[in-house]
Amino acid sequence: MKLSVAQSLEWFGVVTAIVYSLLVASNTGLEFVGFTLLLVSSFSIGLWAYLGQHRGILLLQFFYATAGIIGMLRWF
């Protein structure tokens, strides 16, 4: 089974978001890495949403990217 570029972006974003949430919830000092993954995830899913014209998801990713940046700044 071969994934399209859009499917690869979607699933990469999903996996990085899952790892982000686990890192932040684990409270093990890896929050900065977690927020970095949130930012990466939001770009990936945002690009997927843009390509697929999923405007609501694209808007949501702008807020997730902002949360990732704020989290990175606060934990740095």
N, C-alpha and C. Protein backbone atom coordinates (compact mmCIF):
# COMPACT_ATOMS: atom_id res chain seq x y z
N MET A 1 0.84 -1.18 0.00
CA MET A 1 0.00 0.00 0.00
C MET A 1 0.89 1.24 0.00
N LYS A 2 0.70 2.09 -0.98
CA LYS A 2 1.49 3.31 -1.09
C LYS A 2 0.65 4.51 -0.66
N LEU A 3 1.22 5.33 0.22
CA LEU A 3 0.53 6.51 0.69
C LEU A 3 0.80 7.69 -0.22
N SER A 4 -0.21 8.51 -0.44
CA SER A 4 -0.03 9.75 -1.18
C SER A 4 0.69 10.76 -0.27
N VAL A 5 1.11 11.86 -0.85
CA VAL A 5 1.76 12.91 -0.06
C VAL A 5 0.79 13.41 1.00
N ALA A 6 -0.46 13.63 0.62
CA ALA A 6 -1.45 14.13 1.57
C ALA A 6 -1.66 13.14 2.71
N GLN A 7 -1.76 11.87 2.40
CA GLN A 7 -1.94 10.86 3.45
C GLN A 7 -0.71 10.80 4.35
N SER A 8 0.47 10.93 3.79
CA SER A 8 1.69 10.92 4.59
C SER A 8 1.71 12.11 5.55
N LEU A 9 1.33 13.29 5.07
CA LEU A 9 1.27 14.47 5.94
C LEU A 9 0.27 14.27 7.06
N GLU A 10 -0.89 13.73 6.70
CA GLU A 10 -1.94 13.50 7.69
C GLU A 10 -1.45 12.56 8.78
N TRP A 11 -0.91 11.43 8.41
CA TRP A 11 -0.51 10.43 9.41
C TRP A 11 0.73 10.84 10.18
N PHE A 12 1.66 11.53 9.53
CA PHE A 12 2.82 12.06 10.25
C PHE A 12 2.36 13.05 11.32
N GLY A 13 1.42 13.91 10.96
CA GLY A 13 0.87 14.86 11.92
C GLY A 13 0.16 14.19 13.07
N VAL A 14 -0.58 13.14 12.77
CA VAL A 14 -1.30 12.40 13.82
C VAL A 14 -0.31 11.75 14.79
N VAL A 15 0.70 11.09 14.26
CA VAL A 15 1.67 10.39 15.11
C VAL A 15 2.43 11.39 15.98
N THR A 16 2.88 12.50 15.40
CA THR A 16 3.62 13.48 16.20
C THR A 16 2.72 14.12 17.26
N ALA A 17 1.44 14.32 16.97
CA ALA A 17 0.51 14.86 17.96
C ALA A 17 0.30 13.87 19.11
N ILE A 18 0.23 12.60 18.80
CA ILE A 18 0.07 11.58 19.84
C ILE A 18 1.30 11.56 20.75
N VAL A 19 2.48 11.58 20.14
CA VAL A 19 3.72 11.58 20.94
C VAL A 19 3.80 12.86 21.78
N TYR A 20 3.42 13.99 21.19
CA TYR A 20 3.40 15.25 21.95
C TYR A 20 2.54 15.12 23.19
N SER A 21 1.31 14.63 23.03
CA SER A 21 0.40 14.56 24.17
C SER A 21 0.91 13.61 25.25
N LEU A 22 1.53 12.52 24.85
CA LEU A 22 2.09 11.58 25.82
C LEU A 22 3.27 12.18 26.57
N LEU A 23 4.12 12.92 25.87
CA LEU A 23 5.28 13.54 26.52
C LEU A 23 4.85 14.60 27.53
N VAL A 24 3.89 15.43 27.15
CA VAL A 24 3.45 16.49 28.06
C VAL A 24 2.71 15.88 29.26
N ALA A 25 1.88 14.89 29.01
CA ALA A 25 1.13 14.25 30.10
C ALA A 25 2.03 13.46 31.05
N SER A 26 3.16 12.97 30.55
CA SER A 26 4.05 12.16 31.39
C SER A 26 4.78 12.98 32.44
N ASN A 27 4.87 14.29 32.24
CA ASN A 27 5.52 15.19 33.20
C ASN A 27 6.92 14.70 33.56
N THR A 28 7.70 14.36 32.54
CA THR A 28 9.04 13.82 32.75
C THR A 28 10.14 14.80 32.34
N GLY A 29 9.80 16.05 32.16
CA GLY A 29 10.80 17.03 31.78
C GLY A 29 11.01 17.14 30.27
N LEU A 30 10.20 16.45 29.51
CA LEU A 30 10.34 16.48 28.04
C LEU A 30 9.26 17.36 27.40
N GLU A 31 8.76 18.31 28.16
CA GLU A 31 7.70 19.17 27.65
C GLU A 31 8.16 20.00 26.45
N PHE A 32 9.40 20.48 26.47
CA PHE A 32 9.89 21.28 25.34
C PHE A 32 9.88 20.45 24.06
N VAL A 33 10.33 19.21 24.16
CA VAL A 33 10.30 18.31 22.99
C VAL A 33 8.85 18.09 22.56
N GLY A 34 7.96 17.92 23.53
CA GLY A 34 6.55 17.72 23.23
C GLY A 34 5.95 18.90 22.49
N PHE A 35 6.22 20.11 22.96
CA PHE A 35 5.69 21.29 22.29
C PHE A 35 6.30 21.48 20.90
N THR A 36 7.55 21.08 20.75
CA THR A 36 8.17 21.11 19.42
C THR A 36 7.43 20.16 18.48
N LEU A 37 7.08 18.98 18.99
CA LEU A 37 6.32 18.03 18.18
C LEU A 37 4.93 18.56 17.86
N LEU A 38 4.33 19.30 18.79
CA LEU A 38 3.03 19.92 18.51
C LEU A 38 3.15 20.89 17.34
N LEU A 39 4.22 21.67 17.34
CA LEU A 39 4.43 22.62 16.25
C LEU A 39 4.62 21.88 14.92
N VAL A 40 5.44 20.85 14.93
CA VAL A 40 5.67 20.05 13.72
C VAL A 40 4.36 19.42 13.25
N SER A 41 3.60 18.88 14.19
CA SER A 41 2.32 18.27 13.87
C SER A 41 1.37 19.27 13.24
N SER A 42 1.30 20.46 13.81
CA SER A 42 0.37 21.47 13.29
C SER A 42 0.75 21.89 11.88
N PHE A 43 2.04 21.96 11.57
CA PHE A 43 2.45 22.28 10.19
C PHE A 43 2.07 21.15 9.24
N SER A 44 2.30 19.94 9.67
CA SER A 44 2.00 18.79 8.82
C SER A 44 0.49 18.67 8.54
N ILE A 45 -0.29 18.70 9.60
CA ILE A 45 -1.74 18.59 9.42
C ILE A 45 -2.29 19.85 8.75
N GLY A 46 -1.70 20.99 9.03
CA GLY A 46 -2.11 22.23 8.35
C GLY A 46 -1.90 22.17 6.85
N LEU A 47 -0.76 21.64 6.44
CA LEU A 47 -0.50 21.50 5.01
C LEU A 47 -1.46 20.49 4.39
N TRP A 48 -1.71 19.40 5.10
CA TRP A 48 -2.70 18.41 4.63
C TRP A 48 -4.07 19.07 4.47
N ALA A 49 -4.47 19.87 5.48
CA ALA A 49 -5.77 20.54 5.45
C ALA A 49 -5.84 21.54 4.29
N TYR A 50 -4.76 22.25 4.06
CA TYR A 50 -4.72 23.20 2.96
C TYR A 50 -4.87 22.49 1.61
N LEU A 51 -4.13 21.40 1.44
CA LEU A 51 -4.20 20.65 0.18
C LEU A 51 -5.59 20.06 -0.06
N GLY A 52 -6.24 19.65 1.02
CA GLY A 52 -7.56 19.04 0.91
C GLY A 52 -8.71 20.03 1.08
N GLN A 53 -8.39 21.29 1.23
CA GLN A 53 -9.37 22.36 1.42
C GLN A 53 -10.26 22.12 2.64
N HIS A 54 -9.65 21.66 3.72
CA HIS A 54 -10.36 21.47 4.99
C HIS A 54 -10.12 22.72 5.83
N ARG A 55 -10.91 23.74 5.58
CA ARG A 55 -10.65 25.06 6.16
C ARG A 55 -10.76 25.08 7.69
N GLY A 56 -11.70 24.36 8.24
CA GLY A 56 -11.84 24.34 9.70
C GLY A 56 -10.64 23.72 10.38
N ILE A 57 -10.15 22.63 9.83
CA ILE A 57 -8.97 21.97 10.40
C ILE A 57 -7.74 22.86 10.22
N LEU A 58 -7.66 23.55 9.09
CA LEU A 58 -6.54 24.47 8.85
C LEU A 58 -6.53 25.58 9.90
N LEU A 59 -7.69 26.16 10.17
CA LEU A 59 -7.78 27.20 11.19
C LEU A 59 -7.36 26.65 12.56
N LEU A 60 -7.81 25.46 12.89
CA LEU A 60 -7.45 24.83 14.14
C LEU A 60 -5.93 24.66 14.26
N GLN A 61 -5.28 24.33 13.18
CA GLN A 61 -3.83 24.11 13.20
C GLN A 61 -3.06 25.41 13.47
N PHE A 62 -3.62 26.55 13.06
CA PHE A 62 -2.99 27.83 13.40
C PHE A 62 -2.96 28.01 14.92
N PHE A 63 -4.04 27.63 15.58
CA PHE A 63 -4.09 27.75 17.04
C PHE A 63 -3.18 26.73 17.71
N TYR A 64 -3.11 25.53 17.18
CA TYR A 64 -2.19 24.53 17.73
C TYR A 64 -0.73 24.98 17.55
N ALA A 65 -0.42 25.57 16.40
CA ALA A 65 0.94 26.07 16.18
C ALA A 65 1.26 27.17 17.19
N THR A 66 0.30 28.04 17.43
CA THR A 66 0.49 29.11 18.41
C THR A 66 0.71 28.53 19.81
N ALA A 67 -0.08 27.52 20.16
CA ALA A 67 0.09 26.86 21.46
C ALA A 67 1.46 26.20 21.56
N GLY A 68 1.92 25.60 20.48
CA GLY A 68 3.25 24.98 20.46
C GLY A 68 4.35 26.01 20.69
N ILE A 69 4.23 27.15 20.02
CA ILE A 69 5.24 28.20 20.17
C ILE A 69 5.22 28.76 21.60
N ILE A 70 4.03 29.02 22.12
CA ILE A 70 3.92 29.53 23.49
C ILE A 70 4.50 28.51 24.48
N GLY A 71 4.17 27.24 24.30
CA GLY A 71 4.70 26.20 25.18
C GLY A 71 6.21 26.12 25.12
N MET A 72 6.78 26.22 23.91
CA MET A 72 8.23 26.18 23.76
C MET A 72 8.89 27.36 24.46
N LEU A 73 8.30 28.55 24.30
CA LEU A 73 8.87 29.74 24.94
C LEU A 73 8.78 29.66 26.46
N ARG A 74 7.69 29.15 26.97
CA ARG A 74 7.51 29.07 28.43
C ARG A 74 8.41 28.00 29.06
N TRP A 75 8.71 26.92 28.34
CA TRP A 75 9.53 25.87 28.91
C TRP A 75 11.01 26.05 28.63
N PHE A 76 11.36 26.97 27.75
CA PHE A 76 12.76 27.17 27.40
C PHE A 76 13.45 27.90 28.47
